[in-house]
């Protein structure tokens, strides 16, 4: 019984994660469009924001693609973020 409950809870957790991911993807697109219009960005500037949107999509779907559970993937992302921050500090002086 306990294993069955844990399996159900895990399924619901993953289901919630997927719903959040889809909502985030939709909202990010809306934010990019609104920001582009509000700031009157050029098509090149908007294209750069869209590229960020594509990167965010890659990050959001990365847990499934890597086979890691969301907790492990979050740890991976935190480590990667720290690594990138260190590289930028080195580049920017």
Protein backbone atom coordinates (compact mmCIF):
# COMPACT_ATOMS: atom_id res chain seq x y z
CA UNK A 1 0.00 0.00 0.00
CA UNK A 2 2.76 2.45 0.97
CA UNK A 3 4.65 1.85 -2.29
CA UNK A 4 1.47 2.42 -4.23
CA UNK A 5 0.85 5.74 -2.45
CA UNK A 6 4.42 6.86 -3.09
CA UNK A 7 4.11 5.96 -6.76
CA UNK A 8 0.88 7.96 -7.02
CA UNK A 9 2.44 10.96 -5.23
CA UNK A 10 5.44 10.85 -7.56
CA UNK A 11 3.14 10.76 -10.60
CA UNK A 12 1.21 13.78 -9.33
CA UNK A 13 4.47 15.64 -8.66
CA UNK A 14 5.65 15.04 -12.23
CA UNK A 15 2.23 15.97 -13.60
CA UNK A 16 2.35 19.26 -11.66
CA UNK A 17 5.88 19.92 -12.91
CA UNK A 18 4.75 19.44 -16.52
CA UNK A 19 1.76 21.75 -16.07
CA UNK A 20 4.00 24.45 -14.55
CA UNK A 21 6.48 24.06 -17.37
CA UNK A 22 3.79 24.55 -20.03
CA UNK A 23 2.37 27.60 -18.22
CA UNK A 24 5.83 29.10 -17.93
CA UNK A 25 6.47 28.62 -21.65
CA UNK A 26 3.23 30.41 -22.51
CA UNK A 27 3.81 33.25 -20.06
CA UNK A 28 7.39 33.78 -21.18
CA UNK A 29 6.22 34.30 -24.77
CA UNK A 30 3.63 36.83 -23.63
CA UNK A 31 6.24 38.68 -21.58
CA UNK A 32 8.64 38.84 -24.53
CA UNK A 33 5.94 40.23 -26.83
CA UNK A 34 4.73 42.77 -24.26
CA UNK A 35 8.25 43.92 -23.44
CA UNK A 36 9.13 44.26 -27.12
CA UNK A 37 6.06 46.39 -27.77
CA UNK A 38 6.44 48.49 -24.62
CA UNK A 39 10.11 49.26 -25.26
CA UNK A 40 9.62 49.50 -29.03
CA UNK A 41 12.43 47.03 -29.62
CA UNK A 42 13.78 46.37 -33.08
CA UNK A 43 13.22 43.03 -34.75
CA UNK A 44 16.84 42.10 -33.98
CA UNK A 45 16.39 42.86 -30.29
CA UNK A 46 13.15 40.91 -30.19
CA UNK A 47 14.86 37.99 -31.94
CA UNK A 48 17.45 37.93 -29.14
CA UNK A 49 14.66 37.75 -26.56
CA UNK A 50 13.06 34.92 -28.53
CA UNK A 51 16.42 33.12 -28.48
CA UNK A 52 16.35 33.38 -24.69
CA UNK A 53 12.84 31.91 -24.81
CA UNK A 54 14.18 28.94 -26.80
CA UNK A 55 16.97 28.47 -24.26
CA UNK A 56 14.44 28.56 -21.42
CA UNK A 57 12.42 25.89 -23.19
CA UNK A 58 15.56 23.75 -23.40
CA UNK A 59 16.19 24.23 -19.70
CA UNK A 60 12.59 23.43 -18.80
CA UNK A 61 12.52 20.22 -20.82
CA UNK A 62 16.04 19.21 -19.80
CA UNK A 63 14.97 17.08 -16.84
CA UNK A 64 12.99 14.76 -19.09
CA UNK A 65 15.69 14.65 -21.75
CA UNK A 66 18.47 13.84 -19.28
CA UNK A 67 16.42 11.29 -17.38
CA UNK A 68 17.07 13.04 -14.07
CA UNK A 69 14.28 13.56 -11.60
CA UNK A 70 13.36 17.23 -11.00
CA UNK A 71 15.37 17.42 -7.77
CA UNK A 72 18.54 16.09 -9.37
CA UNK A 73 18.05 18.34 -12.37
CA UNK A 74 17.61 21.36 -10.08
CA UNK A 75 20.95 20.53 -8.44
CA UNK A 76 22.56 20.22 -11.88
CA UNK A 77 21.15 23.62 -12.92
CA UNK A 78 22.34 25.28 -9.70
CA UNK A 79 25.84 23.95 -10.30
CA UNK A 80 25.78 25.05 -13.93
CA UNK A 81 24.57 28.53 -12.91
CA UNK A 82 27.43 28.87 -10.42
CA UNK A 83 29.90 27.77 -13.10
CA UNK A 84 28.55 30.34 -15.58
CA UNK A 85 28.59 33.07 -12.95
CA UNK A 86 32.24 32.35 -12.23
CA UNK A 87 33.07 32.45 -15.96
CA UNK A 88 31.32 35.82 -16.35
CA UNK A 89 33.13 37.25 -13.33
CA UNK A 90 36.40 36.18 -14.91
CA UNK A 91 35.47 37.69 -18.29
CA UNK A 92 34.12 40.94 -16.84
CA UNK A 93 36.99 41.29 -14.40
